[in-house]
N, C-alpha and C. Protein backbone atom coordinates (compact mmCIF):
# COMPACT_ATOMS: atom_id res chain seq x y z
N UNK A 1 -17.51 6.04 -29.90
CA UNK A 1 -17.01 5.88 -31.27
C UNK A 1 -17.90 5.93 -32.46
N UNK A 2 -17.61 6.75 -33.31
CA UNK A 2 -18.76 7.03 -34.34
C UNK A 2 -18.38 5.73 -35.48
N UNK A 3 -19.36 5.78 -36.43
CA UNK A 3 -19.50 4.47 -37.23
C UNK A 3 -18.04 4.44 -38.11
N UNK A 4 -17.73 5.63 -38.61
CA UNK A 4 -16.66 5.75 -39.52
C UNK A 4 -15.31 5.38 -38.78
N UNK A 5 -15.03 5.83 -37.39
CA UNK A 5 -13.97 5.40 -36.67
C UNK A 5 -13.94 3.96 -36.33
N UNK A 6 -15.13 3.56 -35.97
CA UNK A 6 -15.25 1.92 -35.75
C UNK A 6 -14.89 1.19 -36.94
N UNK A 7 -15.32 1.64 -38.06
CA UNK A 7 -15.05 0.91 -39.33
C UNK A 7 -13.55 0.95 -39.76
N UNK A 8 -12.66 1.93 -39.42
CA UNK A 8 -11.30 2.20 -39.64
C UNK A 8 -10.78 1.14 -38.61
N UNK A 9 -10.98 1.02 -37.43
CA UNK A 9 -10.55 0.15 -36.32
C UNK A 9 -10.60 -1.22 -36.92
N UNK A 10 -11.78 -1.60 -37.19
CA UNK A 10 -12.15 -2.97 -37.72
C UNK A 10 -11.12 -3.42 -38.84
N UNK A 11 -11.13 -2.42 -39.89
CA UNK A 11 -10.11 -2.90 -41.00
C UNK A 11 -8.80 -2.98 -40.59
N UNK A 12 -8.16 -2.17 -39.60
CA UNK A 12 -6.96 -2.20 -39.32
C UNK A 12 -6.75 -3.38 -38.40
N UNK A 13 -7.79 -3.98 -37.58
CA UNK A 13 -7.53 -5.32 -36.94
C UNK A 13 -7.25 -6.36 -38.07
N UNK A 14 -8.09 -6.18 -38.94
CA UNK A 14 -8.15 -7.32 -40.01
C UNK A 14 -6.92 -7.39 -40.83
N UNK A 15 -6.37 -6.29 -40.84
CA UNK A 15 -5.21 -6.17 -42.01
C UNK A 15 -3.79 -6.22 -41.18
N UNK A 16 -3.53 -5.80 -39.94
CA UNK A 16 -2.33 -6.01 -39.22
C UNK A 16 -2.10 -7.04 -38.23
N UNK A 17 -3.13 -7.42 -37.74
CA UNK A 17 -3.21 -8.40 -36.49
C UNK A 17 -3.66 -9.68 -36.87
N UNK A 18 -3.07 -10.67 -36.22
CA UNK A 18 -3.27 -12.09 -36.41
C UNK A 18 -3.96 -12.92 -35.18
N UNK A 19 -4.75 -13.79 -35.55
CA UNK A 19 -5.50 -14.54 -34.48
C UNK A 19 -4.63 -15.26 -33.56
N UNK A 20 -4.73 -15.22 -32.14
CA UNK A 20 -3.82 -16.12 -31.47
C UNK A 20 -4.45 -17.39 -31.19
N UNK A 21 -3.73 -18.40 -31.03
CA UNK A 21 -4.11 -19.72 -31.04
C UNK A 21 -4.76 -19.97 -29.63
N UNK A 22 -5.74 -20.82 -29.67
CA UNK A 22 -6.51 -21.03 -28.34
C UNK A 22 -6.61 -22.34 -28.41
N UNK A 23 -6.81 -23.00 -26.99
CA UNK A 23 -7.02 -24.23 -26.83
C UNK A 23 -8.24 -24.46 -25.91
N UNK A 24 -8.54 -25.93 -26.02
CA UNK A 24 -9.81 -26.30 -25.17
C UNK A 24 -9.51 -26.26 -23.66
N UNK A 25 -10.45 -25.80 -22.86
CA UNK A 25 -10.25 -25.76 -21.38
C UNK A 25 -11.04 -27.23 -20.85
N UNK A 26 -11.21 -28.15 -21.48
CA UNK A 26 -11.91 -29.46 -20.93
C UNK A 26 -11.19 -29.96 -19.87
N UNK A 27 -10.02 -30.01 -19.94
CA UNK A 27 -9.30 -30.66 -18.88
C UNK A 27 -8.50 -29.73 -17.81
N UNK A 28 -8.74 -28.48 -17.89
CA UNK A 28 -8.10 -27.48 -16.86
C UNK A 28 -8.87 -27.48 -15.77
N UNK A 29 -8.27 -27.83 -14.59
CA UNK A 29 -9.21 -27.78 -13.34
C UNK A 29 -8.38 -26.88 -12.25
N UNK A 30 -7.02 -26.57 -12.42
CA UNK A 30 -6.41 -25.75 -11.30
C UNK A 30 -6.32 -24.16 -11.61
N UNK A 31 -6.66 -23.45 -10.49
CA UNK A 31 -6.28 -21.86 -10.73
C UNK A 31 -4.78 -21.73 -10.44
N UNK A 32 -4.11 -21.10 -11.45
CA UNK A 32 -2.79 -20.70 -11.15
C UNK A 32 -2.50 -19.70 -9.84
N UNK A 33 -1.37 -19.93 -9.07
CA UNK A 33 -1.20 -19.29 -7.94
C UNK A 33 -1.77 -19.69 -6.61
N UNK A 34 -2.76 -20.58 -6.67
CA UNK A 34 -3.33 -21.14 -5.57
C UNK A 34 -2.19 -21.90 -4.58
N UNK A 35 -1.45 -22.73 -5.14
CA UNK A 35 -0.24 -23.38 -4.49
C UNK A 35 0.69 -22.61 -4.13
N UNK A 36 1.26 -21.45 -5.03
CA UNK A 36 2.28 -20.70 -4.47
C UNK A 36 1.90 -19.89 -3.55
N UNK A 37 0.63 -19.35 -3.42
CA UNK A 37 0.28 -18.49 -2.28
C UNK A 37 0.29 -19.27 -1.00
N UNK A 38 -0.10 -20.65 -0.85
CA UNK A 38 0.05 -21.27 0.60
C UNK A 38 1.21 -21.78 0.72
N UNK A 39 2.29 -21.47 -0.18
CA UNK A 39 3.63 -21.98 -0.05
C UNK A 39 4.54 -20.88 0.61
N UNK A 40 3.91 -19.74 0.43
CA UNK A 40 4.78 -18.68 1.26
C UNK A 40 4.92 -18.75 2.61
N UNK A 41 6.28 -18.53 3.20
CA UNK A 41 6.49 -18.66 4.46
C UNK A 41 7.41 -17.59 4.86
N UNK A 42 7.83 -17.65 6.29
CA UNK A 42 8.73 -16.36 6.85
C UNK A 42 10.11 -16.33 5.98
N UNK A 43 10.53 -17.40 5.33
CA UNK A 43 11.84 -17.33 4.54
C UNK A 43 11.44 -16.92 3.14
N UNK A 44 10.31 -16.75 2.64
CA UNK A 44 10.17 -16.40 1.34
C UNK A 44 10.55 -14.94 1.11
N UNK A 45 10.95 -14.69 0.00
CA UNK A 45 11.36 -13.25 -0.39
C UNK A 45 10.16 -12.25 -0.17
N UNK A 46 10.95 -11.24 0.72
CA UNK A 46 10.09 -10.09 1.12
C UNK A 46 9.25 -9.13 0.00
N UNK A 47 10.10 -9.29 -1.23
CA UNK A 47 9.49 -8.64 -2.43
C UNK A 47 8.22 -9.32 -2.92
N UNK A 48 8.16 -10.47 -2.55
CA UNK A 48 6.78 -11.23 -3.02
C UNK A 48 5.48 -10.75 -2.22
N UNK A 49 5.57 -10.04 -1.11
CA UNK A 49 4.43 -9.43 -0.61
C UNK A 49 4.19 -8.06 -0.77
N UNK A 50 5.08 -7.39 -1.64
CA UNK A 50 5.07 -6.03 -1.94
C UNK A 50 3.87 -5.67 -3.03
N UNK A 51 3.12 -4.71 -2.85
CA UNK A 51 2.19 -4.15 -3.83
C UNK A 51 3.04 -3.03 -4.66
N UNK A 52 3.30 -3.58 -5.75
CA UNK A 52 4.42 -2.90 -6.74
C UNK A 52 3.74 -1.58 -7.42
N UNK A 53 3.82 -0.28 -7.21
CA UNK A 53 3.24 0.77 -7.91
C UNK A 53 3.68 0.82 -9.34
N UNK A 54 4.83 0.17 -9.61
CA UNK A 54 5.15 0.24 -11.18
C UNK A 54 4.30 -0.80 -12.02
N UNK A 55 3.50 -1.69 -11.32
CA UNK A 55 2.64 -2.69 -12.05
C UNK A 55 1.17 -2.39 -11.50
N UNK A 56 0.78 -2.03 -10.40
CA UNK A 56 -0.41 -1.81 -9.89
C UNK A 56 -0.61 -0.29 -9.33
N UNK A 57 -1.38 0.53 -9.98
CA UNK A 57 -2.05 1.93 -9.60
C UNK A 57 -2.45 1.95 -8.26
N UNK A 58 -1.75 2.69 -7.19
CA UNK A 58 -2.35 2.67 -6.02
C UNK A 58 -3.65 3.79 -6.03
N UNK A 59 -4.41 3.39 -4.76
CA UNK A 59 -5.47 4.50 -4.59
C UNK A 59 -4.92 5.71 -4.00
N UNK A 60 -5.08 6.87 -4.72
CA UNK A 60 -4.68 8.03 -4.26
C UNK A 60 -5.73 9.08 -4.23
N UNK A 61 -5.50 10.02 -3.15
CA UNK A 61 -6.59 10.97 -2.97
C UNK A 61 -5.89 12.35 -2.41
N UNK A 62 -6.49 13.39 -2.58
CA UNK A 62 -5.95 14.63 -2.35
C UNK A 62 -6.00 15.02 -1.00
N UNK A 63 -5.25 16.12 -0.52
CA UNK A 63 -5.26 16.39 1.00
C UNK A 63 -6.60 17.00 1.46
N UNK A 64 -7.35 17.67 0.68
CA UNK A 64 -8.45 18.29 0.91
C UNK A 64 -9.73 17.45 0.97
N UNK A 65 -9.62 16.23 0.49
CA UNK A 65 -10.82 15.22 0.46
C UNK A 65 -11.22 15.05 1.87
N UNK A 66 -12.43 14.78 2.20
CA UNK A 66 -12.81 14.32 3.45
C UNK A 66 -12.59 13.10 3.96
N UNK A 67 -12.49 12.92 5.27
CA UNK A 67 -12.25 11.38 5.70
C UNK A 67 -13.39 10.51 5.46
N UNK A 68 -14.50 11.02 5.29
CA UNK A 68 -15.69 9.91 4.92
C UNK A 68 -15.47 9.53 3.40
N UNK A 69 -15.08 10.57 2.58
CA UNK A 69 -14.81 10.10 1.15
C UNK A 69 -13.62 9.19 1.15
N UNK A 70 -12.70 9.26 2.04
CA UNK A 70 -11.67 8.39 2.05
C UNK A 70 -12.05 6.90 2.42
N UNK A 71 -12.77 6.95 3.43
CA UNK A 71 -13.43 5.58 3.88
C UNK A 71 -14.08 4.89 2.82
N UNK A 72 -15.00 5.61 2.05
CA UNK A 72 -15.83 4.99 1.04
C UNK A 72 -15.11 4.57 -0.10
N UNK A 73 -13.99 5.30 -0.43
CA UNK A 73 -13.07 4.99 -1.57
C UNK A 73 -12.29 3.70 -1.22
N UNK A 74 -11.84 3.48 -0.10
CA UNK A 74 -10.98 2.36 0.42
C UNK A 74 -11.89 0.93 0.45
N UNK A 75 -13.26 1.25 0.93
CA UNK A 75 -14.20 0.04 0.87
C UNK A 75 -14.57 -0.19 -0.45
N UNK A 76 -14.62 0.92 -1.35
CA UNK A 76 -14.98 0.41 -2.84
C UNK A 76 -13.91 -0.49 -3.48
N UNK A 77 -12.60 -0.23 -3.38
CA UNK A 77 -11.85 -0.92 -3.89
C UNK A 77 -10.87 -2.09 -3.19
N UNK A 78 -11.53 -2.12 -1.79
CA UNK A 78 -11.12 -3.14 -0.83
C UNK A 78 -9.58 -3.09 -0.53
N UNK A 79 -9.19 -1.90 -0.06
CA UNK A 79 -7.82 -1.55 0.26
C UNK A 79 -7.87 -0.98 1.68
N UNK A 80 -6.68 -1.04 2.38
CA UNK A 80 -6.68 -0.43 3.63
C UNK A 80 -5.96 0.70 4.03
N UNK A 81 -5.51 1.18 2.74
CA UNK A 81 -4.64 2.64 2.74
C UNK A 81 -4.88 3.30 1.60
N UNK A 82 -4.46 4.57 1.67
CA UNK A 82 -4.60 5.52 0.57
C UNK A 82 -3.40 6.21 0.60
N UNK A 83 -2.67 6.58 -0.71
CA UNK A 83 -1.90 7.44 -0.83
C UNK A 83 -2.14 8.90 -0.92
N UNK A 84 -1.74 9.96 -0.19
CA UNK A 84 -2.12 11.16 -0.19
C UNK A 84 -1.22 12.11 -1.03
N UNK A 85 -1.81 12.70 -2.03
CA UNK A 85 -1.13 13.65 -2.78
C UNK A 85 -1.67 15.16 -2.70
N UNK A 86 -0.81 16.32 -3.15
CA UNK A 86 -1.11 17.51 -3.19
C UNK A 86 -1.80 17.85 -4.61
N UNK A 87 -1.98 19.06 -4.95
CA UNK A 87 -2.52 19.42 -6.23
C UNK A 87 -1.71 19.28 -7.36
N UNK A 88 -0.29 19.03 -7.06
CA UNK A 88 0.82 18.89 -7.98
C UNK A 88 0.99 17.51 -8.14
N UNK A 89 0.28 16.58 -7.58
CA UNK A 89 0.52 15.25 -7.51
C UNK A 89 1.62 14.64 -6.80
N UNK A 90 2.21 15.50 -6.06
CA UNK A 90 3.37 15.23 -5.06
C UNK A 90 2.94 14.28 -3.86
N UNK A 91 3.76 13.24 -3.37
CA UNK A 91 3.31 12.48 -2.40
C UNK A 91 3.59 13.33 -0.99
N UNK A 92 2.41 13.19 -0.18
CA UNK A 92 2.48 14.05 1.07
C UNK A 92 2.30 13.21 2.22
N UNK A 93 1.77 11.92 2.00
CA UNK A 93 1.61 11.06 3.29
C UNK A 93 0.74 9.96 3.03
N UNK A 94 0.44 9.36 4.14
CA UNK A 94 -0.58 8.14 4.07
C UNK A 94 -1.49 8.22 4.91
N UNK A 95 -2.81 7.46 4.57
CA UNK A 95 -4.02 7.33 5.51
C UNK A 95 -4.28 6.09 5.43
N UNK A 96 -4.54 5.45 6.60
CA UNK A 96 -5.02 4.15 6.73
C UNK A 96 -6.19 3.93 7.34
N UNK A 97 -6.69 2.64 7.19
CA UNK A 97 -8.14 2.20 7.98
C UNK A 97 -7.85 2.48 9.54
N UNK A 98 -6.66 2.06 9.85
CA UNK A 98 -6.39 2.05 11.25
C UNK A 98 -6.39 3.68 11.82
N UNK A 99 -5.89 4.41 10.92
CA UNK A 99 -5.94 6.06 11.26
C UNK A 99 -7.44 6.36 11.57
N UNK A 100 -8.19 5.95 10.61
CA UNK A 100 -9.71 6.37 10.43
C UNK A 100 -10.46 5.89 11.60
N UNK A 101 -10.03 4.46 12.16
CA UNK A 101 -10.77 3.84 13.04
C UNK A 101 -10.35 4.08 14.58
N UNK A 102 -9.39 4.94 14.69
CA UNK A 102 -8.64 5.22 15.72
C UNK A 102 -9.38 6.36 16.54
N UNK A 103 -9.00 6.50 17.78
CA UNK A 103 -9.37 7.69 18.40
C UNK A 103 -8.98 9.08 18.00
N UNK A 104 -7.91 8.95 17.12
CA UNK A 104 -7.17 10.15 16.57
C UNK A 104 -8.05 10.98 15.97
N UNK A 105 -9.10 10.37 15.13
CA UNK A 105 -10.15 11.08 14.43
C UNK A 105 -11.05 12.02 15.28
N UNK A 106 -11.49 11.43 16.30
CA UNK A 106 -12.63 12.45 17.13
C UNK A 106 -11.59 13.37 18.00
N UNK A 107 -10.34 12.79 18.41
CA UNK A 107 -9.45 13.86 19.07
C UNK A 107 -9.15 14.88 18.31
N UNK A 108 -8.87 14.67 17.00
CA UNK A 108 -8.55 15.65 16.11
C UNK A 108 -9.83 16.73 15.79
N UNK A 109 -10.94 16.17 15.82
CA UNK A 109 -12.02 17.00 15.41
C UNK A 109 -12.35 17.94 16.63
N UNK A 110 -12.29 17.25 17.82
CA UNK A 110 -12.31 17.97 19.18
C UNK A 110 -11.55 19.26 19.15
N UNK A 111 -10.10 18.89 18.75
CA UNK A 111 -9.18 19.92 18.94
C UNK A 111 -9.37 21.04 17.81
N UNK A 112 -9.93 20.77 16.64
CA UNK A 112 -10.20 21.70 15.60
C UNK A 112 -11.52 22.38 15.72
N UNK A 113 -12.29 21.90 16.65
CA UNK A 113 -13.84 22.50 16.79
C UNK A 113 -14.48 22.13 15.63
N UNK A 114 -14.31 20.77 15.21
CA UNK A 114 -15.10 20.49 14.04
C UNK A 114 -15.96 19.10 14.33
N UNK A 115 -16.90 18.79 13.56
CA UNK A 115 -17.45 17.46 13.53
C UNK A 115 -16.68 16.49 12.66
N UNK A 116 -16.89 15.24 13.01
CA UNK A 116 -15.93 14.20 12.22
C UNK A 116 -16.05 14.27 10.69
N UNK A 117 -17.20 14.53 10.36
CA UNK A 117 -17.58 14.41 8.82
C UNK A 117 -16.95 15.76 8.06
N UNK A 118 -16.52 16.79 8.93
CA UNK A 118 -15.93 18.08 8.47
C UNK A 118 -14.46 17.98 8.44
N UNK A 119 -13.64 16.94 8.84
CA UNK A 119 -12.35 16.44 8.77
C UNK A 119 -12.01 16.20 7.19
N UNK A 120 -10.75 16.87 7.06
CA UNK A 120 -10.09 16.38 5.68
C UNK A 120 -8.98 15.56 5.76
N UNK A 121 -8.67 14.88 4.80
CA UNK A 121 -7.64 13.65 4.85
C UNK A 121 -6.32 14.36 5.69
N UNK A 122 -5.98 15.59 5.39
CA UNK A 122 -4.72 16.29 5.96
C UNK A 122 -4.67 16.34 7.42
N UNK A 123 -6.07 16.33 8.00
CA UNK A 123 -6.16 16.51 9.45
C UNK A 123 -5.71 15.24 10.17
N UNK A 124 -5.83 14.10 9.41
CA UNK A 124 -5.53 12.78 10.21
C UNK A 124 -4.66 11.98 9.69
N UNK A 125 -4.23 12.28 8.31
CA UNK A 125 -3.07 11.40 7.64
C UNK A 125 -1.85 11.40 8.37
N UNK A 126 -0.84 10.54 8.12
CA UNK A 126 0.41 10.42 8.68
C UNK A 126 1.28 11.22 7.62
N UNK A 127 1.92 12.31 7.83
CA UNK A 127 2.50 13.00 6.69
C UNK A 127 4.06 12.30 6.50
N UNK A 128 4.59 12.64 5.51
CA UNK A 128 5.66 11.88 5.02
C UNK A 128 6.97 12.23 5.90
N UNK A 129 6.85 13.19 6.54
CA UNK A 129 8.13 13.65 7.44
C UNK A 129 8.11 12.75 8.61
N UNK A 130 6.95 11.98 8.96
CA UNK A 130 6.97 11.21 10.10
C UNK A 130 6.80 9.49 9.82
N UNK A 131 7.08 9.42 8.22
CA UNK A 131 7.16 8.19 7.71
C UNK A 131 8.37 7.66 7.56
N UNK A 132 8.61 6.30 7.65
CA UNK A 132 9.76 5.53 7.13
C UNK A 132 9.53 4.58 6.10
N UNK A 133 10.64 4.50 5.03
CA UNK A 133 10.43 3.51 4.19
C UNK A 133 11.54 2.65 4.05
N UNK A 134 11.28 1.38 3.48
CA UNK A 134 12.54 0.80 3.05
C UNK A 134 12.96 0.51 1.74
N UNK A 135 14.27 0.72 1.46
CA UNK A 135 14.69 0.88 0.04
C UNK A 135 14.35 -0.42 -0.89
N UNK A 136 14.04 -0.47 -1.90
CA UNK A 136 13.63 -1.49 -2.75
C UNK A 136 14.91 -2.29 -2.70
N UNK A 137 16.06 -1.91 -2.87
CA UNK A 137 17.30 -2.98 -2.75
C UNK A 137 17.43 -3.62 -1.58
N UNK A 138 17.08 -3.08 -0.41
CA UNK A 138 17.30 -3.81 0.86
C UNK A 138 16.16 -4.69 0.85
N UNK A 139 14.93 -4.38 0.41
CA UNK A 139 13.83 -5.36 0.61
C UNK A 139 14.00 -6.64 -0.39
N UNK A 140 14.78 -6.39 -1.56
CA UNK A 140 15.05 -7.51 -2.52
C UNK A 140 16.08 -8.45 -1.76
N UNK A 141 16.78 -8.05 -0.62
CA UNK A 141 17.70 -9.12 -0.05
C UNK A 141 17.04 -9.64 1.10
N UNK A 142 15.85 -9.19 1.73
CA UNK A 142 15.33 -9.65 3.02
C UNK A 142 14.29 -10.87 2.80
N UNK A 143 13.83 -11.13 3.67
CA UNK A 143 12.64 -12.29 3.66
C UNK A 143 11.54 -11.67 4.51
N UNK A 144 10.22 -12.38 4.40
CA UNK A 144 9.10 -11.97 5.09
C UNK A 144 9.26 -11.79 6.50
N UNK A 145 10.09 -12.84 7.07
CA UNK A 145 10.30 -12.62 8.46
C UNK A 145 11.13 -11.26 8.85
N UNK A 146 12.08 -10.98 8.14
CA UNK A 146 12.70 -9.61 8.35
C UNK A 146 11.70 -8.66 8.11
N UNK A 147 10.86 -8.76 7.21
CA UNK A 147 9.98 -7.60 7.00
C UNK A 147 8.92 -7.43 8.17
N UNK A 148 8.46 -8.58 8.75
CA UNK A 148 7.53 -8.54 9.92
C UNK A 148 8.37 -7.96 11.08
N UNK A 149 9.46 -8.33 11.29
CA UNK A 149 10.19 -7.90 12.30
C UNK A 149 10.54 -6.26 12.13
N UNK A 150 10.62 -5.73 11.07
CA UNK A 150 10.69 -4.42 10.77
C UNK A 150 9.58 -3.67 11.16
N UNK A 151 8.35 -4.21 10.58
CA UNK A 151 6.98 -3.68 10.83
C UNK A 151 6.73 -3.68 12.35
N UNK A 152 7.15 -4.69 13.23
CA UNK A 152 6.82 -4.66 14.59
C UNK A 152 7.70 -3.69 15.11
N UNK A 153 9.02 -3.50 14.76
CA UNK A 153 10.06 -2.64 15.38
C UNK A 153 9.45 -1.09 15.16
N UNK A 154 8.92 -0.63 13.86
CA UNK A 154 8.44 0.50 13.45
C UNK A 154 7.09 0.85 14.05
N UNK A 155 6.45 -0.35 14.61
CA UNK A 155 5.07 -0.16 15.05
C UNK A 155 4.00 0.24 14.25
N UNK A 156 4.06 -0.37 12.92
CA UNK A 156 3.45 0.07 11.79
C UNK A 156 2.76 -0.99 11.02
N UNK A 157 1.47 -0.80 10.66
CA UNK A 157 1.03 -1.95 9.74
C UNK A 157 1.22 -1.91 8.33
N UNK A 158 1.75 -0.82 8.02
CA UNK A 158 2.24 -0.39 6.67
C UNK A 158 3.61 -0.02 6.44
N UNK A 159 4.26 -0.26 5.25
CA UNK A 159 5.73 0.03 5.08
C UNK A 159 5.66 0.55 3.63
N UNK A 160 6.05 1.80 3.48
CA UNK A 160 6.25 2.04 1.98
C UNK A 160 7.65 1.80 1.47
N UNK A 161 7.81 1.37 0.18
CA UNK A 161 8.99 0.91 -0.40
C UNK A 161 9.40 1.95 -1.19
N UNK A 162 10.72 2.46 -1.20
CA UNK A 162 11.17 3.61 -1.91
C UNK A 162 12.39 3.25 -2.69
N UNK A 163 12.70 4.14 -3.79
CA UNK A 163 13.88 4.15 -4.57
C UNK A 163 14.76 5.51 -4.23
N UNK A 164 15.64 5.18 -3.46
CA UNK A 164 16.48 6.53 -2.91
C UNK A 164 17.14 7.17 -4.12
N UNK A 165 17.41 6.40 -5.24
CA UNK A 165 18.09 7.04 -6.36
C UNK A 165 17.24 8.22 -7.13
N UNK A 166 15.89 8.02 -7.02
CA UNK A 166 15.11 8.91 -7.58
C UNK A 166 14.04 9.42 -6.60
N UNK A 167 14.12 9.13 -5.45
CA UNK A 167 13.37 9.74 -4.28
C UNK A 167 11.87 9.48 -4.65
N UNK A 168 11.48 8.28 -5.26
CA UNK A 168 10.13 7.93 -5.53
C UNK A 168 9.58 6.79 -4.56
N UNK A 169 8.37 6.80 -4.38
CA UNK A 169 7.53 5.81 -3.59
C UNK A 169 7.22 4.77 -4.63
N UNK A 170 7.81 3.53 -4.56
CA UNK A 170 7.46 2.56 -5.69
C UNK A 170 6.73 1.56 -5.05
N UNK A 171 6.19 1.43 -3.76
CA UNK A 171 5.56 0.37 -3.49
C UNK A 171 4.97 0.34 -2.07
N UNK A 172 4.24 -0.60 -1.62
CA UNK A 172 3.88 -0.68 -0.10
C UNK A 172 3.65 -2.13 0.31
N UNK A 173 4.15 -2.21 1.54
CA UNK A 173 3.84 -3.47 2.23
C UNK A 173 2.77 -3.40 3.27
N UNK A 174 1.84 -4.36 3.45
CA UNK A 174 0.74 -4.20 4.36
C UNK A 174 0.75 -5.54 5.43
N UNK A 175 0.72 -5.30 6.52
CA UNK A 175 0.74 -6.47 7.41
C UNK A 175 -0.53 -7.37 7.25
N UNK A 176 -1.56 -6.82 6.98
CA UNK A 176 -2.83 -7.66 6.55
C UNK A 176 -2.68 -8.42 5.40
N UNK A 177 -1.96 -7.98 4.53
CA UNK A 177 -1.71 -8.69 3.20
C UNK A 177 -0.79 -9.93 3.50
N UNK A 178 0.25 -9.75 4.40
CA UNK A 178 1.36 -10.74 4.96
C UNK A 178 0.55 -11.97 5.60
N UNK A 179 -0.57 -11.42 6.35
CA UNK A 179 -1.23 -12.19 7.24
C UNK A 179 -2.08 -13.28 6.24
N UNK A 180 -2.71 -12.59 5.18
CA UNK A 180 -3.59 -13.21 4.25
C UNK A 180 -2.83 -14.39 3.53
N UNK A 181 -1.65 -13.92 3.20
CA UNK A 181 -0.63 -14.77 2.42
C UNK A 181 -0.28 -16.00 3.30
N UNK A 182 0.30 -15.72 4.51
CA UNK A 182 0.74 -16.77 5.30
C UNK A 182 -0.52 -17.59 5.94
N UNK A 183 -1.57 -16.97 5.91
CA UNK A 183 -2.74 -17.73 6.60
C UNK A 183 -2.71 -17.74 7.83
N UNK A 184 -2.04 -17.02 8.64
CA UNK A 184 -1.94 -16.85 10.13
C UNK A 184 -2.07 -15.45 10.60
N UNK A 185 -2.64 -15.20 11.50
CA UNK A 185 -2.73 -13.72 12.26
C UNK A 185 -1.36 -13.22 12.42
N UNK A 186 -1.35 -11.91 12.12
CA UNK A 186 -0.07 -11.03 12.27
C UNK A 186 -0.52 -10.06 13.05
N UNK A 187 0.18 -9.83 14.42
CA UNK A 187 -0.06 -8.70 15.11
C UNK A 187 1.10 -7.91 15.31
N UNK A 188 0.86 -6.57 14.91
CA UNK A 188 1.94 -5.60 15.12
C UNK A 188 1.78 -4.70 16.37
N UNK A 189 2.64 -4.83 17.24
CA UNK A 189 2.69 -3.98 18.66
C UNK A 189 2.79 -2.55 18.26
N UNK A 190 1.61 -1.79 18.41
CA UNK A 190 1.83 -0.53 18.04
C UNK A 190 2.64 0.28 19.05
N UNK A 191 2.87 -0.36 20.29
CA UNK A 191 3.74 0.55 21.18
C UNK A 191 5.22 0.45 20.93
N UNK A 192 5.42 -0.40 19.91
CA UNK A 192 6.84 -0.43 19.28
C UNK A 192 7.33 1.06 18.83
N UNK A 193 6.54 1.79 18.28
CA UNK A 193 6.96 3.06 17.93
C UNK A 193 7.53 4.08 19.08
N UNK A 194 6.62 3.99 20.22
CA UNK A 194 7.21 4.57 21.31
C UNK A 194 8.71 4.13 21.74
N UNK A 195 8.84 2.85 21.87
CA UNK A 195 9.99 2.42 22.18
C UNK A 195 11.26 2.64 21.20
N UNK A 196 10.94 2.56 19.81
CA UNK A 196 11.85 3.04 18.99
C UNK A 196 12.21 4.49 19.22
N UNK A 197 11.08 5.34 19.36
CA UNK A 197 11.65 6.84 19.64
C UNK A 197 12.29 6.97 20.90
N UNK A 198 12.05 6.23 22.02
CA UNK A 198 12.87 6.34 23.20
C UNK A 198 14.32 6.02 22.67
N UNK A 199 14.66 4.93 22.07
CA UNK A 199 15.98 4.40 21.78
C UNK A 199 16.61 5.65 20.98
N UNK A 200 15.91 6.16 19.93
CA UNK A 200 16.60 7.22 19.25
C UNK A 200 16.79 8.42 19.81
N UNK A 201 16.01 8.63 20.92
CA UNK A 201 16.33 10.14 21.95
C UNK A 201 17.58 9.63 22.74
N UNK A 202 17.79 8.54 23.12
CA UNK A 202 18.97 8.11 23.93
C UNK A 202 20.25 8.04 23.28
N UNK A 203 20.10 7.23 22.14
CA UNK A 203 21.30 7.01 21.56
C UNK A 203 21.63 7.74 20.11
N UNK A 204 20.48 8.15 19.66
CA UNK A 204 20.58 8.95 18.30
C UNK A 204 20.19 8.02 17.24
N UNK A 205 19.49 8.62 16.42
CA UNK A 205 19.05 7.74 15.25
C UNK A 205 19.91 7.09 14.44
N UNK A 206 21.21 7.69 14.13
CA UNK A 206 22.13 7.05 13.50
C UNK A 206 22.68 5.70 13.77
N UNK A 207 22.60 5.45 15.13
CA UNK A 207 23.16 4.40 15.83
C UNK A 207 21.94 3.22 15.97
N UNK A 208 20.77 3.41 15.43
CA UNK A 208 19.70 2.54 15.61
C UNK A 208 19.77 1.58 14.37
N UNK A 209 19.82 0.31 14.42
CA UNK A 209 19.95 -0.74 13.23
C UNK A 209 18.48 -0.61 12.64
């Protein structure tokens, strides 16, 4: 910002805005939120553990970025998943730490005749066609216990939250975040996906609750 611009901003602040009242912190000892986090239990609202994309900008990466770049990005911002988009910023899928740490990466590299570092996100991500999401309106009526049962049934560590009316992805649920807030281990049976697929094959998707 040049000197002239800075001067105009300073004048505008002085003329249009007012000083907010402040207070002494001499007797302030408690951090807000510390008690509420420990009070969360299985009967707490499911929405309370949702990362809301309307309030928090998620980590997004493009299809063609490398898996190593994705790993570095997730470590840098301390998240366990990345939302994958194409060149038009359209949602294409999700990539998680579990995907990157699984045998899937080396298996895919072998099948494509590539080294691990040559793989791109699109090679190992879970595409949107294979993902399932929970509508925000449904989430708002459920509990954390309901949410954990859903994650276990789907065999997934993450669940996207959606708005069917606009077909938008509006948030994400993470089993690791639930575990952190509950302060107990949360284990998701990854075999549940196979069971779900078996039930859907026998009875049809429409009859599965």
